[in-house]
Amino acid sequence: MPLSVNNSISALNALATRQGVAANNVANVESKEFKKSTAILKEGPTGAVSATVQPVNTPGTMINHPNGSLEELSNVDLGQELVGMIPTQRGYEANLKALQANGEMEDSVIDLIG
């Protein structure tokens, strides 16, 4: 399999991890004391992309209850999560297009040979 195909596949896997982390954050936006995570994408020496999931331990919003107790809410910013999903989706689309173009080139070569 060509290196470019491997790189696109690794990018798709990494972007899927990133999107999954964002989806988990969005799903838990109302969960008390939930701490969001982030997916850090890193390119390796051959161009392959990997994702590492890390917790984000910033404090959530504190609210005062009428009885005087404090409660920490999640540290998820819904707007930030939703906006962050857009470039992830675009990266996924771009890598799918690259795989499609590679397949079309292989088909053309086979047609020329065959």
PDB file of N, CA and C in Angstrom:
ATOM      1  N   MET A   1       0.845  -1.169   0.000  1.00  0.00           N
ATOM      2  CA  MET A   1       0.000   0.000   0.000  1.00  0.00           C
ATOM      3  C   MET A   1       0.896   1.239   0.000  1.00  0.00           C
ATOM      4  N   PRO A   2       0.625   2.204  -0.875  1.00  0.00           N
ATOM      5  CA  PRO A   2       1.460   3.403  -0.932  1.00  0.00           C
ATOM      6  C   PRO A   2       1.456   4.171   0.390  1.00  0.00           C
ATOM      7  N   LEU A   3       2.561   4.842   0.654  1.00  0.00           N
ATOM      8  CA  LEU A   3       2.708   5.619   1.880  1.00  0.00           C
ATOM      9  C   LEU A   3       1.609   6.666   2.007  1.00  0.00           C
ATOM     10  N   SER A   4       1.227   7.293   0.887  1.00  0.00           N
ATOM     11  CA  SER A   4       0.187   8.327   0.940  1.00  0.00           C
ATOM     12  C   SER A   4      -1.147   7.750   1.407  1.00  0.00           C
ATOM     13  N   VAL A   5      -1.426   6.519   1.016  1.00  0.00           N
ATOM     14  CA  VAL A   5      -2.662   5.869   1.456  1.00  0.00           C
ATOM     15  C   VAL A   5      -2.592   5.594   2.955  1.00  0.00           C
ATOM     16  N   ASN A   6      -1.462   5.070   3.414  1.00  0.00           N
ATOM     17  CA  ASN A   6      -1.300   4.825   4.852  1.00  0.00           C
ATOM     18  C   ASN A   6      -1.443   6.113   5.649  1.00  0.00           C
ATOM     19  N   ASN A   7      -0.864   7.192   5.129  1.00  0.00           N
ATOM     20  CA  ASN A   7      -0.944   8.468   5.826  1.00  0.00           C
ATOM     21  C   ASN A   7      -2.379   8.980   5.891  1.00  0.00           C
ATOM     22  N   SER A   8      -3.112   8.839   4.803  1.00  0.00           N
ATOM     23  CA  SER A   8      -4.511   9.273   4.804  1.00  0.00           C
ATOM     24  C   SER A   8      -5.345   8.432   5.764  1.00  0.00           C
ATOM     25  N   ILE A   9      -5.101   7.142   5.784  1.00  0.00           N
ATOM     26  CA  ILE A   9      -5.843   6.264   6.698  1.00  0.00           C
ATOM     27  C   ILE A   9      -5.518   6.604   8.153  1.00  0.00           C
ATOM     28  N   SER A  10      -4.252   6.849   8.441  1.00  0.00           N
ATOM     29  CA  SER A  10      -3.887   7.209   9.815  1.00  0.00           C
ATOM     30  C   SER A  10      -4.513   8.546  10.199  1.00  0.00           C
ATOM     31  N   ALA A  11      -4.576   9.476   9.252  1.00  0.00           N
ATOM     32  CA  ALA A  11      -5.217  10.766   9.523  1.00  0.00           C
ATOM     33  C   ALA A  11      -6.706  10.584   9.786  1.00  0.00           C
ATOM     34  N   LEU A  12      -7.360   9.724   9.011  1.00  0.00           N
ATOM     35  CA  LEU A  12      -8.789   9.460   9.234  1.00  0.00           C
ATOM     36  C   LEU A  12      -9.013   8.885  10.634  1.00  0.00           C
ATOM     37  N   ASN A  13      -8.168   7.964  11.044  1.00  0.00           N
ATOM     38  CA  ASN A  13      -8.294   7.385  12.383  1.00  0.00           C
ATOM     39  C   ASN A  13      -8.074   8.436  13.473  1.00  0.00           C
ATOM     40  N   ALA A  14      -7.059   9.276  13.290  1.00  0.00           N
ATOM     41  CA  ALA A  14      -6.777  10.316  14.277  1.00  0.00           C
ATOM     42  C   ALA A  14      -7.916  11.338  14.340  1.00  0.00           C
ATOM     43  N   LEU A  15      -8.433  11.719  13.185  1.00  0.00           N
ATOM     44  CA  LEU A  15      -9.539  12.684  13.152  1.00  0.00           C
ATOM     45  C   LEU A  15     -10.811  12.086  13.744  1.00  0.00           C
ATOM     46  N   ALA A  16     -11.024  10.801  13.530  1.00  0.00           N
ATOM     47  CA  ALA A  16     -12.179  10.136  14.141  1.00  0.00           C
ATOM     48  C   ALA A  16     -12.049  10.141  15.667  1.00  0.00           C
ATOM     49  N   THR A  17     -10.840   9.939  16.164  1.00  0.00           N
ATOM     50  CA  THR A  17     -10.604  10.018  17.612  1.00  0.00           C
ATOM     51  C   THR A  17     -10.904  11.423  18.115  1.00  0.00           C
ATOM     52  N   ARG A  18     -10.414  12.429  17.395  1.00  0.00           N
ATOM     53  CA  ARG A  18     -10.661  13.821  17.791  1.00  0.00           C
ATOM     54  C   ARG A  18     -12.164  14.120  17.815  1.00  0.00           C
ATOM     55  N   GLN A  19     -12.875  13.674  16.799  1.00  0.00           N
ATOM     56  CA  GLN A  19     -14.315  13.929  16.724  1.00  0.00           C
ATOM     57  C   GLN A  19     -15.044  13.192  17.856  1.00  0.00           C
ATOM     58  N   GLY A  20     -14.592  11.984  18.163  1.00  0.00           N
ATOM     59  CA  GLY A  20     -15.193  11.224  19.256  1.00  0.00           C
ATOM     60  C   GLY A  20     -14.993  11.884  20.608  1.00  0.00           C
ATOM     61  N   VAL A  21     -13.811  12.441  20.817  1.00  0.00           N
ATOM     62  CA  VAL A  21     -13.534  13.162  22.064  1.00  0.00           C
ATOM     63  C   VAL A  21     -14.438  14.386  22.170  1.00  0.00           C
ATOM     64  N   ALA A  22     -14.565  15.131  21.073  1.00  0.00           N
ATOM     65  CA  ALA A  22     -15.443  16.309  21.079  1.00  0.00           C
ATOM     66  C   ALA A  22     -16.895  15.907  21.331  1.00  0.00           C
ATOM     67  N   ALA A  23     -17.332  14.817  20.727  1.00  0.00           N
ATOM     68  CA  ALA A  23     -18.707  14.337  20.931  1.00  0.00           C
ATOM     69  C   ALA A  23     -18.931  13.946  22.390  1.00  0.00           C
ATOM     70  N   ASN A  24     -17.945  13.301  22.996  1.00  0.00           N
ATOM     71  CA  ASN A  24     -18.049  12.940  24.410  1.00  0.00           C
ATOM     72  C   ASN A  24     -18.133  14.191  25.281  1.00  0.00           C
ATOM     73  N   ASN A  25     -17.341  15.203  24.949  1.00  0.00           N
ATOM     74  CA  ASN A  25     -17.395  16.458  25.703  1.00  0.00           C
ATOM     75  C   ASN A  25     -18.777  17.093  25.593  1.00  0.00           C
ATOM     76  N   VAL A  26     -19.315  17.140  24.372  1.00  0.00           N
ATOM     77  CA  VAL A  26     -20.636  17.736  24.156  1.00  0.00           C
ATOM     78  C   VAL A  26     -21.704  16.940  24.917  1.00  0.00           C
ATOM     79  N   ALA A  27     -21.606  15.627  24.875  1.00  0.00           N
ATOM     80  CA  ALA A  27     -22.589  14.786  25.553  1.00  0.00           C
ATOM     81  C   ALA A  27     -22.577  14.997  27.067  1.00  0.00           C
ATOM     82  N   ASN A  28     -21.442  15.408  27.603  1.00  0.00           N
ATOM     83  CA  ASN A  28     -21.307  15.574  29.052  1.00  0.00           C
ATOM     84  C   ASN A  28     -21.290  17.027  29.500  1.00  0.00           C
ATOM     85  N   VAL A  29     -21.692  17.938  28.638  1.00  0.00           N
ATOM     86  CA  VAL A  29     -21.642  19.356  28.972  1.00  0.00           C
ATOM     87  C   VAL A  29     -22.451  19.675  30.228  1.00  0.00           C
ATOM     88  N   GLU A  30     -23.516  18.938  30.478  1.00  0.00           N
ATOM     89  CA  GLU A  30     -24.364  19.174  31.653  1.00  0.00           C
ATOM     90  C   GLU A  30     -24.016  18.273  32.837  1.00  0.00           C
ATOM     91  N   SER A  31     -23.007  17.436  32.688  1.00  0.00           N
ATOM     92  CA  SER A  31     -22.612  16.534  33.786  1.00  0.00           C
ATOM     93  C   SER A  31     -21.782  17.301  34.796  1.00  0.00           C
ATOM     94  N   LYS A  32     -22.231  17.276  36.026  1.00  0.00           N
ATOM     95  CA  LYS A  32     -21.526  18.009  37.087  1.00  0.00           C
ATOM     96  C   LYS A  32     -20.135  17.421  37.284  1.00  0.00           C
ATOM     97  N   GLU A  33     -19.175  18.319  37.430  1.00  0.00           N
ATOM     98  CA  GLU A  33     -17.775  17.984  37.689  1.00  0.00           C
ATOM     99  C   GLU A  33     -17.091  17.222  36.561  1.00  0.00           C
ATOM    100  N   PHE A  34     -17.736  17.105  35.400  1.00  0.00           N
ATOM    101  CA  PHE A  34     -17.099  16.445  34.255  1.00  0.00           C
ATOM    102  C   PHE A  34     -15.930  17.295  33.781  1.00  0.00           C
ATOM    103  N   LYS A  35     -14.816  16.655  33.490  1.00  0.00           N
ATOM    104  CA  LYS A  35     -13.646  17.340  32.935  1.00  0.00           C
ATOM    105  C   LYS A  35     -13.489  16.917  31.485  1.00  0.00           C
ATOM    106  N   LYS A  36     -13.451  17.904  30.614  1.00  0.00           N
ATOM    107  CA  LYS A  36     -13.333  17.598  29.190  1.00  0.00           C
ATOM    108  C   LYS A  36     -11.960  17.018  28.877  1.00  0.00           C
ATOM    109  N   SER A  37     -11.867  16.430  27.699  1.00  0.00           N
ATOM    110  CA  SER A  37     -10.604  15.917  27.176  1.00  0.00           C
ATOM    111  C   SER A  37     -10.334  16.592  25.842  1.00  0.00           C
ATOM    112  N   THR A  38      -9.115  16.454  25.391  1.00  0.00           N
ATOM    113  CA  THR A  38      -8.739  16.963  24.079  1.00  0.00           C
ATOM    114  C   THR A  38      -7.904  15.904  23.375  1.00  0.00           C
ATOM    115  N   ALA A  39      -7.968  15.898  22.063  1.00  0.00           N
ATOM    116  CA  ALA A  39      -7.158  14.973  21.269  1.00  0.00           C
ATOM    117  C   ALA A  39      -6.046  15.781  20.601  1.00  0.00           C
ATOM    118  N   ILE A  40      -4.835  15.428  20.897  1.00  0.00           N
ATOM    119  CA  ILE A  40      -3.666  16.090  20.318  1.00  0.00           C
ATOM    120  C   ILE A  40      -3.211  15.249  19.127  1.00  0.00           C
ATOM    121  N   LEU A  41      -3.191  15.863  17.942  1.00  0.00           N
ATOM    122  CA  LEU A  41      -2.745  15.162  16.739  1.00  0.00           C
ATOM    123  C   LEU A  41      -1.266  15.437  16.531  1.00  0.00           C
ATOM    124  N   LYS A  42      -0.540  14.387  16.157  1.00  0.00           N
ATOM    125  CA  LYS A  42       0.906  14.512  15.947  1.00  0.00           C
ATOM    126  C   LYS A  42       1.283  13.751  14.690  1.00  0.00           C
ATOM    127  N   GLU A  43       2.093  14.404  13.867  1.00  0.00           N
ATOM    128  CA  GLU A  43       2.588  13.771  12.636  1.00  0.00           C
ATOM    129  C   GLU A  43       3.906  13.069  12.919  1.00  0.00           C
ATOM    130  N   GLY A  44       3.999  11.821  12.480  1.00  0.00           N
ATOM    131  CA  GLY A  44       5.217  11.051  12.660  1.00  0.00           C
ATOM    132  C   GLY A  44       6.205  11.295  11.533  1.00  0.00           C
ATOM    133  N   PRO A  45       7.370  10.660  11.576  1.00  0.00           N
ATOM    134  CA  PRO A  45       8.417  10.892  10.587  1.00  0.00           C
ATOM    135  C   PRO A  45       8.029  10.490   9.162  1.00  0.00           C
ATOM    136  N   THR A  46       7.118   9.548   9.014  1.00  0.00           N
ATOM    137  CA  THR A  46       6.702   9.130   7.668  1.00  0.00           C
ATOM    138  C   THR A  46       5.467   9.878   7.181  1.00  0.00           C
ATOM    139  N   GLY A  47       4.941  10.783   8.021  1.00  0.00           N
ATOM    140  CA  GLY A  47       3.744  11.534   7.661  1.00  0.00           C
ATOM    141  C   GLY A  47       2.475  10.960   8.256  1.00  0.00           C
ATOM    142  N   ALA A  48       2.581   9.808   8.906  1.00  0.00           N
ATOM    143  CA  ALA A  48       1.408   9.213   9.559  1.00  0.00           C
ATOM    144  C   ALA A  48       0.996  10.091  10.734  1.00  0.00           C
ATOM    145  N   VAL A  49      -0.300  10.133  10.992  1.00  0.00           N
ATOM    146  CA  VAL A  49      -0.844  10.979  12.052  1.00  0.00           C
ATOM    147  C   VAL A  49      -1.386  10.087  13.162  1.00  0.00           C
ATOM    148  N   SER A  50      -1.108  10.490  14.400  1.00  0.00           N
ATOM    149  CA  SER A  50      -1.656   9.765  15.548  1.00  0.00           C
ATOM    150  C   SER A  50      -2.343  10.761  16.472  1.00  0.00           C
ATOM    151  N   ALA A  51      -3.261  10.255  17.276  1.00  0.00           N
ATOM    152  CA  ALA A  51      -3.989  11.096  18.223  1.00  0.00           C
ATOM    153  C   ALA A  51      -3.736  10.596  19.638  1.00  0.00           C
ATOM    154  N   THR A  52      -3.481  11.527  20.527  1.00  0.00           N
ATOM    155  CA  THR A  52      -3.329  11.228  21.940  1.00  0.00           C
ATOM    156  C   THR A  52      -4.409  11.991  22.693  1.00  0.00           C
ATOM    157  N   VAL A  53      -5.187  11.276  23.495  1.00  0.00           N
ATOM    158  CA  VAL A  53      -6.264  11.902  24.261  1.00  0.00           C
ATOM    159  C   VAL A  53      -5.723  12.293  25.625  1.00  0.00           C
ATOM    160  N   GLN A  54      -5.952  13.570  25.981  1.00  0.00           N
ATOM    161  CA  GLN A  54      -5.481  14.081  27.260  1.00  0.00           C
ATOM    162  C   GLN A  54      -6.622  14.795  27.977  1.00  0.00           C
ATOM    163  N   PRO A  55      -6.705  14.624  29.300  1.00  0.00           N
ATOM    164  CA  PRO A  55      -7.721  15.363  30.047  1.00  0.00           C
ATOM    165  C   PRO A  55      -7.338  16.835  30.161  1.00  0.00           C
ATOM    166  N   VAL A  56      -8.342  17.680  30.254  1.00  0.00           N
ATOM    167  CA  VAL A  56      -8.132  19.115  30.465  1.00  0.00           C
ATOM    168  C   VAL A  56      -8.681  19.420  31.862  1.00  0.00           C
ATOM    169  N   ASN A  57      -7.790  19.709  32.781  1.00  0.00           N
ATOM    170  CA  ASN A  57      -8.189  19.833  34.180  1.00  0.00           C
ATOM    171  C   ASN A  57      -8.459  21.257  34.639  1.00  0.00           C
ATOM    172  N   THR A  58      -8.866  22.117  33.730  1.00  0.00           N
ATOM    173  CA  THR A  58      -9.248  23.457  34.150  1.00  0.00           C
ATOM    174  C   THR A  58     -10.540  23.371  34.959  1.00  0.00           C
ATOM    175  N   PRO A  59     -10.711  24.262  35.916  1.00  0.00           N
ATOM    176  CA  PRO A  59     -11.940  24.182  36.717  1.00  0.00           C
ATOM    177  C   PRO A  59     -13.169  24.581  35.911  1.00  0.00           C
ATOM    178  N   GLY A  60     -14.285  23.975  36.284  1.00  0.00           N
ATOM    179  CA  GLY A  60     -15.558  24.352  35.682  1.00  0.00           C
ATOM    180  C   GLY A  60     -16.140  25.554  36.395  1.00  0.00           C
ATOM    181  N   THR A  61     -17.241  26.033  35.897  1.00  0.00           N
ATOM    182  CA  THR A  61     -17.930  27.162  36.522  1.00  0.00           C
ATOM    183  C   THR A  61     -18.461  26.740  37.883  1.00  0.00           C
ATOM    184  N   MET A  62     -18.288  27.596  38.864  1.00  0.00           N
ATOM    185  CA  MET A  62     -18.798  27.328  40.208  1.00  0.00           C
ATOM    186  C   MET A  62     -20.124  28.065  40.369  1.00  0.00           C
ATOM    187  N   ILE A  63     -21.095  27.362  40.942  1.00  0.00           N
ATOM    188  CA  ILE A  63     -22.379  28.007  41.217  1.00  0.00           C
ATOM    189  C   ILE A  63     -22.688  27.901  42.709  1.00  0.00           C
ATOM    190  N   ASN A  64     -23.334  28.942  43.205  1.00  0.00           N
ATOM    191  CA  ASN A  64     -23.765  28.971  44.608  1.00  0.00           C
ATOM    192  C   ASN A  64     -25.203  28.493  44.689  1.00  0.00           C
ATOM    193  N   HIS A  65     -25.448  27.566  45.591  1.00  0.00           N
ATOM    194  CA  HIS A  65     -26.814  27.112  45.834  1.00  0.00           C
ATOM    195  C   HIS A  65     -27.412  27.958  46.961  1.00  0.00           C
ATOM    196  N   PRO A  66     -28.728  28.056  47.013  1.00  0.00           N
ATOM    197  CA  PRO A  66     -29.373  28.839  48.072  1.00  0.00           C
ATOM    198  C   PRO A  66     -28.993  28.374  49.484  1.00  0.00           C
ATOM    199  N   ASN A  67     -28.634  27.106  49.628  1.00  0.00           N
ATOM    200  CA  ASN A  67     -28.262  26.603  50.962  1.00  0.00           C
ATOM    201  C   ASN A  67     -26.815  26.960  51.323  1.00  0.00           C
ATOM    202  N   GLY A  68     -26.121  27.671  50.429  1.00  0.00           N
ATOM    203  CA  GLY A  68     -24.752  28.111  50.709  1.00  0.00           C
ATOM    204  C   GLY A  68     -23.669  27.188  50.178  1.00  0.00           C
ATOM    205  N   SER A  69     -24.042  26.056  49.609  1.00  0.00           N
ATOM    206  CA  SER A  69     -23.031  25.139  49.093  1.00  0.00           C
ATOM    207  C   SER A  69     -22.594  25.564  47.683  1.00  0.00           C
ATOM    208  N   LEU A  70     -21.375  25.214  47.355  1.00  0.00           N
ATOM    209  CA  LEU A  70     -20.824  25.472  46.024  1.00  0.00           C
ATOM    210  C   LEU A  70     -20.839  24.177  45.222  1.00  0.00           C
ATOM    211  N   GLU A  71     -21.055  24.331  43.931  1.00  0.00           N
ATOM    212  CA  GLU A  71     -21.035  23.163  43.049  1.00  0.00           C
ATOM    213  C   GLU A  71     -20.262  23.523  41.787  1.00  0.00           C
ATOM    214  N   GLU A  72     -19.367  22.618  41.382  1.00  0.00           N
ATOM    215  CA  GLU A  72     -18.597  22.836  40.159  1.00  0.00           C
ATOM    216  C   GLU A  72     -19.287  22.153  38.992  1.00  0.00           C
ATOM    217  N   LEU A  73     -19.500  22.907  37.915  1.00  0.00           N
ATOM    218  CA  LEU A  73     -20.082  22.361  36.700  1.00  0.00           C
ATOM    219  C   LEU A  73     -18.956  21.869  35.799  1.00  0.00           C
ATOM    220  N   SER A  74     -19.303  21.298  34.678  1.00  0.00           N
ATOM    221  CA  SER A  74     -18.277  20.802  33.744  1.00  0.00           C
ATOM    222  C   SER A  74     -17.467  21.981  33.194  1.00  0.00           C
ATOM    223  N   ASN A  75     -16.302  21.677  32.689  1.00  0.00           N
ATOM    224  CA  ASN A  75     -15.450  22.713  32.098  1.00  0.00           C
ATOM    225  C   ASN A  75     -15.569  22.736  30.576  1.00  0.00           C
ATOM    226  N   VAL A  76     -16.656  22.208  30.055  1.00  0.00           N
ATOM    227  CA  VAL A  76     -16.877  22.144  28.609  1.00  0.00           C
ATOM    228  C   VAL A  76     -17.513  23.445  28.133  1.00  0.00           C
ATOM    229  N   ASP A  77     -16.909  24.051  27.114  1.00  0.00           N
ATOM    230  CA  ASP A  77     -17.486  25.208  26.434  1.00  0.00           C
ATOM    231  C   ASP A  77     -18.138  24.676  25.163  1.00  0.00           C
ATOM    232  N   LEU A  78     -19.457  24.630  25.161  1.00  0.00           N
ATOM    233  CA  LEU A  78     -20.200  24.026  24.053  1.00  0.00           C
ATOM    234  C   LEU A  78     -19.867  24.696  22.724  1.00  0.00           C
ATOM    235  N   GLY A  79     -19.808  26.007  22.698  1.00  0.00           N
ATOM    236  CA  GLY A  79     -19.482  26.724  21.462  1.00  0.00           C
ATOM    237  C   GLY A  79     -18.110  26.355  20.934  1.00  0.00           C
ATOM    238  N   GLN A  80     -17.151  26.286  21.824  1.00  0.00           N
ATOM    239  CA  GLN A  80     -15.781  25.923  21.428  1.00  0.00           C
ATOM    240  C   GLN A  80     -15.736  24.508  20.864  1.00  0.00           C
ATOM    241  N   GLU A  81     -16.454  23.597  21.477  1.00  0.00           N
ATOM    242  CA  GLU A  81     -16.472  22.211  21.001  1.00  0.00           C
ATOM    243  C   GLU A  81     -17.101  22.118  19.611  1.00  0.00           C
ATOM    244  N   LEU A  82     -18.242  22.788  19.425  1.00  0.00           N
ATOM    245  CA  LEU A  82     -18.935  22.708  18.137  1.00  0.00           C
ATOM    246  C   LEU A  82     -18.128  23.352  17.020  1.00  0.00           C
ATOM    247  N   VAL A  83     -17.523  24.495  17.307  1.00  0.00           N
ATOM    248  CA  VAL A  83     -16.683  25.159  16.301  1.00  0.00           C
ATOM    249  C   VAL A  83     -15.461  24.309  15.987  1.00  0.00           C
ATOM    250  N   GLY A  84     -14.897  23.645  16.990  1.00  0.00           N
ATOM    251  CA  GLY A  84     -13.727  22.794  16.779  1.00  0.00           C
ATOM    252  C   GLY A  84     -14.023  21.562  15.938  1.00  0.00           C
ATOM    253  N   MET A  85     -15.280  21.161  15.868  1.00  0.00           N
ATOM    254  CA  MET A  85     -15.643  19.986  15.074  1.00  0.00           C
ATOM    255  C   MET A  85     -15.587  20.284  13.572  1.00  0.00           C
ATOM    256  N   ILE A  86     -15.701  21.549  13.194  1.00  0.00           N
ATOM    257  CA  ILE A  86     -15.740  21.904  11.769  1.00  0.00           C
ATOM    258  C   ILE A  86     -14.425  21.579  11.065  1.00  0.00           C
ATOM    259  N   PRO A  87     -13.264  22.048  11.563  1.00  0.00           N
ATOM    260  CA  PRO A  87     -12.016  21.681  10.861  1.00  0.00           C
ATOM    261  C   PRO A  87     -11.723  20.181  10.905  1.00  0.00           C
ATOM    262  N   THR A  88     -12.195  19.515  11.945  1.00  0.00           N
ATOM    263  CA  THR A  88     -12.016  18.069  12.001  1.00  0.00           C
ATOM    264  C   THR A  88     -12.798  17.401  10.872  1.00  0.00           C
ATOM    265  N   GLN A  89     -14.024  17.855  10.681  1.00  0.00           N
ATOM    266  CA  GLN A  89     -14.834  17.310   9.582  1.00  0.00           C
ATOM    267  C   GLN A  89     -14.186  17.612   8.235  1.00  0.00           C
ATOM    268  N   ARG A  90     -13.673  18.821   8.062  1.00  0.00           N
ATOM    269  CA  ARG A  90     -13.030  19.186   6.793  1.00  0.00           C
ATOM    270  C   ARG A  90     -11.775  18.351   6.547  1.00  0.00           C
ATOM    271  N   GLY A  91     -11.009  18.100   7.582  1.00  0.00           N
ATOM    272  CA  GLY A  91      -9.832  17.243   7.443  1.00  0.00           C
ATOM    273  C   GLY A  91     -10.207  15.831   7.051  1.00  0.00           C
ATOM    274  N   TYR A  92     -11.293  15.344   7.620  1.00  0.00           N
ATOM    275  CA  TYR A  92     -11.785  14.005   7.284  1.00  0.00           C
ATOM    276  C   TYR A  92     -12.185  13.965   5.812  1.00  0.00           C
ATOM    277  N   GLU A  93     -12.928  14.984   5.363  1.00  0.00           N
ATOM    278  CA  GLU A  93     -13.355  15.055   3.962  1.00  0.00           C
ATOM    279  C   GLU A  93     -12.159  15.123   3.016  1.00  0.00           C
ATOM    280  N   ALA A  94     -11.141  15.915   3.378  1.00  0.00           N
ATOM    281  CA  ALA A  94      -9.957  16.067   2.525  1.00  0.00           C
ATOM    282  C   ALA A  94      -9.204  14.738   2.392  1.00  0.00           C
ATOM    283  N   ASN A  95      -9.088  14.001   3.484  1.00  0.00           N
ATOM    284  CA  ASN A  95      -8.386  12.723   3.416  1.00  0.00           C
ATOM    285  C   ASN A  95      -9.181  11.680   2.651  1.00  0.00           C
ATOM    286  N   LEU A  96     -10.500  11.726   2.734  1.00  0.00           N
ATOM    287  CA  LEU A  96     -11.314  10.838   1.909  1.00  0.00           C
ATOM    288  C   LEU A  96     -11.138  11.153   0.432  1.00  0.00           C
ATOM    289  N   LYS A  97     -11.076  12.450   0.098  1.00  0.00           N
ATOM    290  CA  LYS A  97     -10.849  12.854  -1.305  1.00  0.00           C
ATOM    291  C   LYS A  97      -9.480  12.366  -1.785  1.00  0.00           C
ATOM    292  N   ALA A  98      -8.470  12.450  -0.931  1.00  0.00           N
ATOM    293  CA  ALA A  98      -7.131  11.982  -1.308  1.00  0.00           C
ATOM    294  C   ALA A  98      -7.146  10.479  -1.579  1.00  0.00           C
ATOM    295  N   LEU A  99      -7.858   9.729  -0.753  1.00  0.00           N
ATOM    296  CA  LEU A  99      -7.969   8.281  -0.982  1.00  0.00           C
ATOM    297  C   LEU A  99      -8.725   7.986  -2.270  1.00  0.00           C
ATOM    298  N   GLN A 100      -9.767   8.757  -2.526  1.00  0.00           N
ATOM    299  CA  GLN A 100     -10.539   8.580  -3.761  1.00  0.00           C
ATOM    300  C   GLN A 100      -9.672   8.884  -4.975  1.00  0.00           C
ATOM    301  N   ALA A 101      -8.895   9.956  -4.919  1.00  0.00           N
ATOM    302  CA  ALA A 101      -8.016  10.315  -6.037  1.00  0.00           C
ATOM    303  C   ALA A 101      -6.970   9.236  -6.264  1.00  0.00           C
ATOM    304  N   ASN A 102      -6.438   8.676  -5.186  1.00  0.00           N
ATOM    305  CA  ASN A 102      -5.461   7.600  -5.313  1.00  0.00           C
ATOM    306  C   ASN A 102      -6.087   6.388  -6.003  1.00  0.00           C
ATOM    307  N   GLY A 103      -7.300   6.048  -5.622  1.00  0.00           N
ATOM    308  CA  GLY A 103      -7.991   4.927  -6.251  1.00  0.00           C
ATOM    309  C   GLY A 103      -8.233   5.162  -7.732  1.00  0.00           C
ATOM    310  N   GLU A 104      -8.599   6.394  -8.081  1.00  0.00           N
ATOM    311  CA  GLU A 104      -8.821   6.722  -9.495  1.00  0.00           C
ATOM    312  C   GLU A 104      -7.530   6.639 -10.294  1.00  0.00           C
ATOM    313  N   MET A 105      -6.415   7.071  -9.685  1.00  0.00           N
ATOM    314  CA  MET A 105      -5.124   6.972 -10.374  1.00  0.00           C
ATOM    315  C   MET A 105      -4.728   5.515 -10.587  1.00  0.00           C
ATOM    316  N   GLU A 106      -4.959   4.691  -9.581  1.00  0.00           N
ATOM    317  CA  GLU A 106      -4.650   3.267  -9.728  1.00  0.00           C
ATOM    318  C   GLU A 106      -5.493   2.641 -10.830  1.00  0.00           C
ATOM    319  N   ASP A 107      -6.771   3.018 -10.901  1.00  0.00           N
ATOM    320  CA  ASP A 107      -7.647   2.512 -11.960  1.00  0.00           C
ATOM    321  C   ASP A 107      -7.138   2.937 -13.334  1.00  0.00           C
ATOM    322  N   SER A 108      -6.661   4.174 -13.443  1.00  0.00           N
ATOM    323  CA  SER A 108      -6.139   4.666 -14.718  1.00  0.00           C
ATOM    324  C   SER A 108      -4.892   3.902 -15.140  1.00  0.00           C
ATOM    325  N   VAL A 109      -4.032   3.631 -14.181  1.00  0.00           N
ATOM    326  CA  VAL A 109      -2.815   2.866 -14.485  1.00  0.00           C
ATOM    327  C   VAL A 109      -3.176   1.459 -14.941  1.00  0.00           C
ATOM    328  N   ILE A 110      -4.119   0.860 -14.274  1.00  0.00           N
ATOM    329  CA  ILE A 110      -4.552  -0.489 -14.666  1.00  0.00           C
ATOM    330  C   ILE A 110      -5.142  -0.475 -16.071  1.00  0.00           C
ATOM    331  N   ASP A 111      -5.923   0.553 -16.390  1.00  0.00           N
ATOM    332  CA  ASP A 111      -6.495   0.680 -17.732  1.00  0.00           C
ATOM    333  C   ASP A 111      -5.401   0.834 -18.785  1.00  0.00           C
ATOM    334  N   LEU A 112      -4.359   1.604 -18.447  1.00  0.00           N
ATOM    335  CA  LEU A 112      -3.257   1.803 -19.391  1.00  0.00           C
ATOM    336  C   LEU A 112      -2.476   0.510 -19.618  1.00  0.00           C
ATOM    337  N   ILE A 113      -2.291  -0.230 -18.565  1.00  0.00           N
ATOM    338  CA  ILE A 113      -1.531  -1.476 -18.658  1.00  0.00           C
ATOM    339  C   ILE A 113      -2.348  -2.567 -19.332  1.00  0.00           C
ATOM    340  N   GLY A 114      -3.605  -2.657 -18.924  1.00  0.00           N
ATOM    341  CA  GLY A 114      -4.436  -3.773 -19.323  1.00  0.00           C
ATOM    342  C   GLY A 114      -5.056  -3.640 -20.646  1.00  0.00           C
TER     343      GLY A 114
END
